[in-house]
Amino acid sequence: MEYAESYELVFQASGMEDDAVIVRRTERAGAGGHPVYEDDTGIVRAEISERGEVRMLASGGHQAPGMPVSVRPLEP
C-alpha cells in the first residue's frame, strides 16, 4: 500500500484562524494496521489510512485530541 510520508492536519480553533500541524510518518503502526504519524514535538499523533481516514491518538495522560477538519497529503 502507498502511504504519504507527511500530512497537514487542520484543526478548527475557536475565535482564531484554523491551526495547521504537519505530521510525518513513523515506523509504528496503529491498531488498524496503518502508519502512525506525529509532529516534531511528538504531541500530535494520528493513525492515517491510505484513504486519508484519521484516528487521533493520545500521546499522554488526560489528553483528548480533537479531530482535524481536513487532512491533506504533502508532496515529498
PDB file of N, CA and C in Angstrom:
ATOM      1  N   MET A   1       0.828  -1.185   0.000  1.00  0.00           N
ATOM      2  CA  MET A   1       0.000   0.000   0.000  1.00  0.00           C
ATOM      3  C   MET A   1       0.870   1.245   0.000  1.00  0.00           C
ATOM      4  N   GLU A   2       0.385   2.267  -0.652  1.00  0.00           N
ATOM      5  CA  GLU A   2       1.104   3.530  -0.722  1.00  0.00           C
ATOM      6  C   GLU A   2       0.595   4.483   0.344  1.00  0.00           C
ATOM      7  N   TYR A   3       1.494   4.949   1.180  1.00  0.00           N
ATOM      8  CA  TYR A   3       1.158   5.924   2.214  1.00  0.00           C
ATOM      9  C   TYR A   3       2.021   7.161   1.992  1.00  0.00           C
ATOM     10  N   ALA A   4       1.440   8.319   2.203  1.00  0.00           N
ATOM     11  CA  ALA A   4       2.193   9.572   2.097  1.00  0.00           C
ATOM     12  C   ALA A   4       3.215   9.627   3.233  1.00  0.00           C
ATOM     13  N   GLU A   5       4.302  10.328   3.011  1.00  0.00           N
ATOM     14  CA  GLU A   5       5.325  10.484   4.056  1.00  0.00           C
ATOM     15  C   GLU A   5       4.922  11.533   5.086  1.00  0.00           C
ATOM     16  N   SER A   6       4.079  12.495   4.674  1.00  0.00           N
ATOM     17  CA  SER A   6       3.637  13.522   5.619  1.00  0.00           C
ATOM     18  C   SER A   6       2.264  14.044   5.221  1.00  0.00           C
ATOM     19  N   TYR A   7       1.569  14.575   6.227  1.00  0.00           N
ATOM     20  CA  TYR A   7       0.239  15.142   6.037  1.00  0.00           C
ATOM     21  C   TYR A   7       0.155  16.476   6.764  1.00  0.00           C
ATOM     22  N   GLU A   8      -0.752  17.312   6.283  1.00  0.00           N
ATOM     23  CA  GLU A   8      -1.119  18.521   7.000  1.00  0.00           C
ATOM     24  C   GLU A   8      -2.490  18.259   7.616  1.00  0.00           C
ATOM     25  N   LEU A   9      -2.568  18.368   8.941  1.00  0.00           N
ATOM     26  CA  LEU A   9      -3.830  18.232   9.657  1.00  0.00           C
ATOM     27  C   LEU A   9      -4.280  19.633  10.047  1.00  0.00           C
ATOM     28  N   VAL A  10      -5.514  19.987   9.721  1.00  0.00           N
ATOM     29  CA  VAL A  10      -6.033  21.311  10.045  1.00  0.00           C
ATOM     30  C   VAL A  10      -7.124  21.156  11.101  1.00  0.00           C
ATOM     31  N   PHE A  11      -6.932  21.866  12.215  1.00  0.00           N
ATOM     32  CA  PHE A  11      -7.873  21.829  13.334  1.00  0.00           C
ATOM     33  C   PHE A  11      -8.565  23.177  13.442  1.00  0.00           C
ATOM     34  N   GLN A  12      -9.841  23.161  13.778  1.00  0.00           N
ATOM     35  CA  GLN A  12     -10.584  24.402  13.957  1.00  0.00           C
ATOM     36  C   GLN A  12     -10.264  24.971  15.332  1.00  0.00           C
ATOM     37  N   ALA A  13      -9.840  26.222  15.344  1.00  0.00           N
ATOM     38  CA  ALA A  13      -9.524  26.908  16.597  1.00  0.00           C
ATOM     39  C   ALA A  13     -10.599  27.944  16.852  1.00  0.00           C
ATOM     40  N   SER A  14     -11.149  27.955  18.037  1.00  0.00           N
ATOM     41  CA  SER A  14     -12.237  28.896  18.334  1.00  0.00           C
ATOM     42  C   SER A  14     -11.715  30.326  18.401  1.00  0.00           C
ATOM     43  N   GLY A  15     -12.378  31.217  17.668  1.00  0.00           N
ATOM     44  CA  GLY A  15     -12.045  32.635  17.699  1.00  0.00           C
ATOM     45  C   GLY A  15     -10.757  33.011  16.997  1.00  0.00           C
ATOM     46  N   MET A  16     -10.113  32.069  16.326  1.00  0.00           N
ATOM     47  CA  MET A  16      -8.844  32.359  15.652  1.00  0.00           C
ATOM     48  C   MET A  16      -8.846  31.677  14.296  1.00  0.00           C
ATOM     49  N   GLU A  17      -7.762  31.860  13.579  1.00  0.00           N
ATOM     50  CA  GLU A  17      -7.594  31.122  12.329  1.00  0.00           C
ATOM     51  C   GLU A  17      -7.428  29.648  12.652  1.00  0.00           C
ATOM     52  N   ASP A  18      -7.719  28.800  11.685  1.00  0.00           N
ATOM     53  CA  ASP A  18      -7.521  27.369  11.880  1.00  0.00           C
ATOM     54  C   ASP A  18      -6.046  27.085  12.157  1.00  0.00           C
ATOM     55  N   ASP A  19      -5.799  26.018  12.880  1.00  0.00           N
ATOM     56  CA  ASP A  19      -4.448  25.636  13.278  1.00  0.00           C
ATOM     57  C   ASP A  19      -4.004  24.451  12.427  1.00  0.00           C
ATOM     58  N   ALA A  20      -2.928  24.604  11.669  1.00  0.00           N
ATOM     59  CA  ALA A  20      -2.405  23.534  10.813  1.00  0.00           C
ATOM     60  C   ALA A  20      -1.170  22.916  11.454  1.00  0.00           C
ATOM     61  N   VAL A  21      -1.122  21.586  11.435  1.00  0.00           N
ATOM     62  CA  VAL A  21       0.001  20.846  12.010  1.00  0.00           C
ATOM     63  C   VAL A  21       0.501  19.863  10.961  1.00  0.00           C
ATOM     64  N   ILE A  22       1.818  19.830  10.756  1.00  0.00           N
ATOM     65  CA  ILE A  22       2.427  18.871   9.836  1.00  0.00           C
ATOM     66  C   ILE A  22       2.848  17.644  10.643  1.00  0.00           C
ATOM     67  N   VAL A  23       2.409  16.464  10.181  1.00  0.00           N
ATOM     68  CA  VAL A  23       2.811  15.208  10.820  1.00  0.00           C
ATOM     69  C   VAL A  23       3.568  14.368   9.806  1.00  0.00           C
ATOM     70  N   ARG A  24       4.559  13.631  10.308  1.00  0.00           N
ATOM     71  CA  ARG A  24       5.392  12.784   9.448  1.00  0.00           C
ATOM     72  C   ARG A  24       5.261  11.327   9.865  1.00  0.00           C
ATOM     73  N   ARG A  25       5.402  10.473   8.895  1.00  0.00           N
ATOM     74  CA  ARG A  25       5.271   9.027   9.116  1.00  0.00           C
ATOM     75  C   ARG A  25       6.366   8.520  10.055  1.00  0.00           C
ATOM     76  N   THR A  26       5.961   7.640  10.978  1.00  0.00           N
ATOM     77  CA  THR A  26       6.909   6.988  11.877  1.00  0.00           C
ATOM     78  C   THR A  26       7.021   5.520  11.469  1.00  0.00           C
ATOM     79  N   GLU A  27       7.816   4.776  12.177  1.00  0.00           N
ATOM     80  CA  GLU A  27       7.968   3.337  11.921  1.00  0.00           C
ATOM     81  C   GLU A  27       6.858   2.525  12.586  1.00  0.00           C
ATOM     82  N   ARG A  28       6.043   3.176  13.420  1.00  0.00           N
ATOM     83  CA  ARG A  28       4.997   2.472  14.162  1.00  0.00           C
ATOM     84  C   ARG A  28       3.723   2.340  13.335  1.00  0.00           C
ATOM     85  N   ALA A  29       2.916   1.349  13.709  1.00  0.00           N
ATOM     86  CA  ALA A  29       1.591   1.159  13.121  1.00  0.00           C
ATOM     87  C   ALA A  29       0.567   1.228  14.245  1.00  0.00           C
ATOM     88  N   GLY A  30      -0.619   1.708  13.910  1.00  0.00           N
ATOM     89  CA  GLY A  30      -1.689   1.817  14.896  1.00  0.00           C
ATOM     90  C   GLY A  30      -2.505   0.544  14.978  1.00  0.00           C
ATOM     91  N   ALA A  31      -3.562   0.584  15.771  1.00  0.00           N
ATOM     92  CA  ALA A  31      -4.427  -0.581  15.983  1.00  0.00           C
ATOM     93  C   ALA A  31      -5.087  -1.056  14.691  1.00  0.00           C
ATOM     94  N   GLY A  32      -5.312  -0.146  13.756  1.00  0.00           N
ATOM     95  CA  GLY A  32      -5.922  -0.501  12.474  1.00  0.00           C
ATOM     96  C   GLY A  32      -4.922  -1.020  11.454  1.00  0.00           C
ATOM     97  N   GLY A  33      -3.633  -1.059  11.829  1.00  0.00           N
ATOM     98  CA  GLY A  33      -2.596  -1.544  10.926  1.00  0.00           C
ATOM     99  C   GLY A  33      -2.021  -0.488  10.005  1.00  0.00           C
ATOM    100  N   HIS A  34      -2.470   0.752  10.147  1.00  0.00           N
ATOM    101  CA  HIS A  34      -1.983   1.844   9.303  1.00  0.00           C
ATOM    102  C   HIS A  34      -0.850   2.578  10.010  1.00  0.00           C
ATOM    103  N   PRO A  35      -0.017   3.301   9.256  1.00  0.00           N
ATOM    104  CA  PRO A  35       1.097   4.023   9.867  1.00  0.00           C
ATOM    105  C   PRO A  35       0.647   5.086  10.868  1.00  0.00           C
ATOM    106  N   VAL A  36       1.482   5.283  11.874  1.00  0.00           N
ATOM    107  CA  VAL A  36       1.272   6.354  12.837  1.00  0.00           C
ATOM    108  C   VAL A  36       2.139   7.529  12.405  1.00  0.00           C
ATOM    109  N   TYR A  37       1.547   8.709  12.386  1.00  0.00           N
ATOM    110  CA  TYR A  37       2.225   9.952  12.027  1.00  0.00           C
ATOM    111  C   TYR A  37       2.284  10.823  13.274  1.00  0.00           C
ATOM    112  N   GLU A  38       3.351  11.631  13.394  1.00  0.00           N
ATOM    113  CA  GLU A  38       3.411  12.562  14.517  1.00  0.00           C
ATOM    114  C   GLU A  38       4.128  13.840  14.106  1.00  0.00           C
ATOM    115  N   ASP A  39       3.854  14.910  14.867  1.00  0.00           N
ATOM    116  CA  ASP A  39       4.517  16.187  14.589  1.00  0.00           C
ATOM    117  C   ASP A  39       5.907  16.171  15.208  1.00  0.00           C
ATOM    118  N   ASP A  40       6.657  17.248  15.021  1.00  0.00           N
ATOM    119  CA  ASP A  40       8.042  17.309  15.510  1.00  0.00           C
ATOM    120  C   ASP A  40       8.143  17.211  17.024  1.00  0.00           C
ATOM    121  N   THR A  41       7.080  17.612  17.736  1.00  0.00           N
ATOM    122  CA  THR A  41       7.118  17.563  19.196  1.00  0.00           C
ATOM    123  C   THR A  41       6.750  16.184  19.737  1.00  0.00           C
ATOM    124  N   GLY A  42       6.090  15.368  18.920  1.00  0.00           N
ATOM    125  CA  GLY A  42       5.624  14.062  19.373  1.00  0.00           C
ATOM    126  C   GLY A  42       4.299  14.138  20.110  1.00  0.00           C
ATOM    127  N   ILE A  43       3.733  15.339  20.219  1.00  0.00           N
ATOM    128  CA  ILE A  43       2.477  15.507  20.946  1.00  0.00           C
ATOM    129  C   ILE A  43       1.275  15.157  20.073  1.00  0.00           C
ATOM    130  N   VAL A  44       1.283  15.610  18.817  1.00  0.00           N
ATOM    131  CA  VAL A  44       0.172  15.327  17.905  1.00  0.00           C
ATOM    132  C   VAL A  44       0.485  14.033  17.183  1.00  0.00           C
ATOM    133  N   ARG A  45      -0.355  13.020  17.426  1.00  0.00           N
ATOM    134  CA  ARG A  45      -0.176  11.708  16.794  1.00  0.00           C
ATOM    135  C   ARG A  45      -1.471  11.266  16.153  1.00  0.00           C
ATOM    136  N   ALA A  46      -1.347  10.623  14.991  1.00  0.00           N
ATOM    137  CA  ALA A  46      -2.539  10.156  14.286  1.00  0.00           C
ATOM    138  C   ALA A  46      -2.198   8.912  13.470  1.00  0.00           C
ATOM    139  N   GLU A  47      -3.134   7.987  13.442  1.00  0.00           N
ATOM    140  CA  GLU A  47      -3.050   6.851  12.529  1.00  0.00           C
ATOM    141  C   GLU A  47      -3.832   7.259  11.289  1.00  0.00           C
ATOM    142  N   ILE A  48      -3.200   7.183  10.117  1.00  0.00           N
ATOM    143  CA  ILE A  48      -3.842   7.644   8.887  1.00  0.00           C
ATOM    144  C   ILE A  48      -3.803   6.521   7.853  1.00  0.00           C
ATOM    145  N   SER A  49      -4.986   6.198   7.310  1.00  0.00           N
ATOM    146  CA  SER A  49      -5.083   5.144   6.303  1.00  0.00           C
ATOM    147  C   SER A  49      -4.680   5.680   4.933  1.00  0.00           C
ATOM    148  N   GLU A  50      -4.544   4.780   3.970  1.00  0.00           N
ATOM    149  CA  GLU A  50      -4.187   5.185   2.611  1.00  0.00           C
ATOM    150  C   GLU A  50      -5.304   6.000   1.962  1.00  0.00           C
ATOM    151  N   ARG A  51      -6.510   5.960   2.507  1.00  0.00           N
ATOM    152  CA  ARG A  51      -7.637   6.750   2.001  1.00  0.00           C
ATOM    153  C   ARG A  51      -7.789   8.076   2.742  1.00  0.00           C
ATOM    154  N   GLY A  52      -6.879   8.375   3.659  1.00  0.00           N
ATOM    155  CA  GLY A  52      -6.929   9.638   4.384  1.00  0.00           C
ATOM    156  C   GLY A  52      -7.831   9.621   5.597  1.00  0.00           C
ATOM    157  N   GLU A  53      -8.248   8.448   6.041  1.00  0.00           N
ATOM    158  CA  GLU A  53      -9.053   8.335   7.255  1.00  0.00           C
ATOM    159  C   GLU A  53      -8.134   8.496   8.459  1.00  0.00           C
ATOM    160  N   VAL A  54      -8.561   9.297   9.423  1.00  0.00           N
ATOM    161  CA  VAL A  54      -7.703   9.659  10.547  1.00  0.00           C
ATOM    162  C   VAL A  54      -8.268   9.145  11.861  1.00  0.00           C
ATOM    163  N   ARG A  55      -7.396   8.583  12.679  1.00  0.00           N
ATOM    164  CA  ARG A  55      -7.719   8.243  14.066  1.00  0.00           C
ATOM    165  C   ARG A  55      -6.671   8.946  14.920  1.00  0.00           C
ATOM    166  N   MET A  56      -7.106   9.940  15.672  1.00  0.00           N
ATOM    167  CA  MET A  56      -6.181  10.677  16.532  1.00  0.00           C
ATOM    168  C   MET A  56      -5.800   9.802  17.724  1.00  0.00           C
ATOM    169  N   LEU A  57      -4.531   9.878  18.119  1.00  0.00           N
ATOM    170  CA  LEU A  57      -4.003   9.062  19.204  1.00  0.00           C
ATOM    171  C   LEU A  57      -3.498   9.957  20.328  1.00  0.00           C
ATOM    172  N   ALA A  58      -3.851   9.630  21.541  1.00  0.00           N
ATOM    173  CA  ALA A  58      -3.354  10.377  22.697  1.00  0.00           C
ATOM    174  C   ALA A  58      -1.869  10.084  22.872  1.00  0.00           C
ATOM    175  N   SER A  59      -1.104  11.120  23.169  1.00  0.00           N
ATOM    176  CA  SER A  59       0.339  10.943  23.382  1.00  0.00           C
ATOM    177  C   SER A  59       0.704  11.047  24.851  1.00  0.00           C
ATOM    178  N   GLY A  60      -0.285  11.319  25.697  1.00  0.00           N
ATOM    179  CA  GLY A  60      -0.030  11.433  27.124  1.00  0.00           C
ATOM    180  C   GLY A  60      -1.320  11.279  27.908  1.00  0.00           C
ATOM    181  N   GLY A  61      -1.185  11.184  29.206  1.00  0.00           N
ATOM    182  CA  GLY A  61      -2.343  11.026  30.072  1.00  0.00           C
ATOM    183  C   GLY A  61      -3.259  12.232  30.041  1.00  0.00           C
ATOM    184  N   HIS A  62      -4.535  11.987  30.172  1.00  0.00           N
ATOM    185  CA  HIS A  62      -5.573  13.009  30.237  1.00  0.00           C
ATOM    186  C   HIS A  62      -5.691  13.829  28.955  1.00  0.00           C
ATOM    187  N   GLN A  63      -5.134  13.343  27.859  1.00  0.00           N
ATOM    188  CA  GLN A  63      -5.241  14.058  26.592  1.00  0.00           C
ATOM    189  C   GLN A  63      -6.476  13.557  25.840  1.00  0.00           C
ATOM    190  N   ALA A  64      -7.240  14.467  25.292  1.00  0.00           N
ATOM    191  CA  ALA A  64      -8.411  14.138  24.478  1.00  0.00           C
ATOM    192  C   ALA A  64      -8.274  14.866  23.149  1.00  0.00           C
ATOM    193  N   PRO A  65      -7.497  14.302  22.227  1.00  0.00           N
ATOM    194  CA  PRO A  65      -7.240  15.005  20.960  1.00  0.00           C
ATOM    195  C   PRO A  65      -8.499  15.167  20.127  1.00  0.00           C
ATOM    196  N   GLY A  66      -8.651  16.356  19.538  1.00  0.00           N
ATOM    197  CA  GLY A  66      -9.780  16.635  18.661  1.00  0.00           C
ATOM    198  C   GLY A  66      -9.520  16.096  17.260  1.00  0.00           C
ATOM    199  N   MET A  67     -10.566  16.037  16.474  1.00  0.00           N
ATOM    200  CA  MET A  67     -10.451  15.574  15.094  1.00  0.00           C
ATOM    201  C   MET A  67     -10.144  16.751  14.170  1.00  0.00           C
ATOM    202  N   PRO A  68      -9.272  16.544  13.200  1.00  0.00           N
ATOM    203  CA  PRO A  68      -8.998  17.619  12.244  1.00  0.00           C
ATOM    204  C   PRO A  68     -10.201  17.846  11.327  1.00  0.00           C
ATOM    205  N   VAL A  69     -10.351  19.082  10.850  1.00  0.00           N
ATOM    206  CA  VAL A  69     -11.426  19.394   9.914  1.00  0.00           C
ATOM    207  C   VAL A  69     -11.025  19.046   8.479  1.00  0.00           C
ATOM    208  N   SER A  70      -9.708  18.944   8.242  1.00  0.00           N
ATOM    209  CA  SER A  70      -9.243  18.484   6.938  1.00  0.00           C
ATOM    210  C   SER A  70      -7.873  17.832   7.083  1.00  0.00           C
ATOM    211  N   VAL A  71      -7.601  16.939   6.136  1.00  0.00           N
ATOM    212  CA  VAL A  71      -6.346  16.188   6.092  1.00  0.00           C
ATOM    213  C   VAL A  71      -5.855  16.234   4.663  1.00  0.00           C
ATOM    214  N   ARG A  72      -4.590  16.648   4.488  1.00  0.00           N
ATOM    215  CA  ARG A  72      -4.061  16.783   3.127  1.00  0.00           C
ATOM    216  C   ARG A  72      -2.686  16.160   3.057  1.00  0.00           C
ATOM    217  N   PRO A  73      -2.491  15.163   2.144  1.00  0.00           N
ATOM    218  CA  PRO A  73      -1.146  14.612   1.976  1.00  0.00           C
ATOM    219  C   PRO A  73      -0.216  15.676   1.384  1.00  0.00           C
ATOM    220  N   LEU A  74       1.021  15.682   1.817  1.00  0.00           N
ATOM    221  CA  LEU A  74       2.005  16.629   1.301  1.00  0.00           C
ATOM    222  C   LEU A  74       2.954  15.918   0.365  1.00  0.00           C
ATOM    223  N   GLU A  75       3.357  16.594  -0.657  1.00  0.00           N
ATOM    224  CA  GLU A  75       4.302  16.025  -1.625  1.00  0.00           C
ATOM    225  C   GLU A  75       5.690  15.978  -0.989  1.00  0.00           C
ATOM    226  N   PRO A  76       6.493  14.998  -1.372  1.00  0.00           N
ATOM    227  CA  PRO A  76       7.858  14.912  -0.814  1.00  0.00           C
ATOM    228  C   PRO A  76       8.727  16.079  -1.185  1.00  0.00           C
TER     229      PRO A  76
END
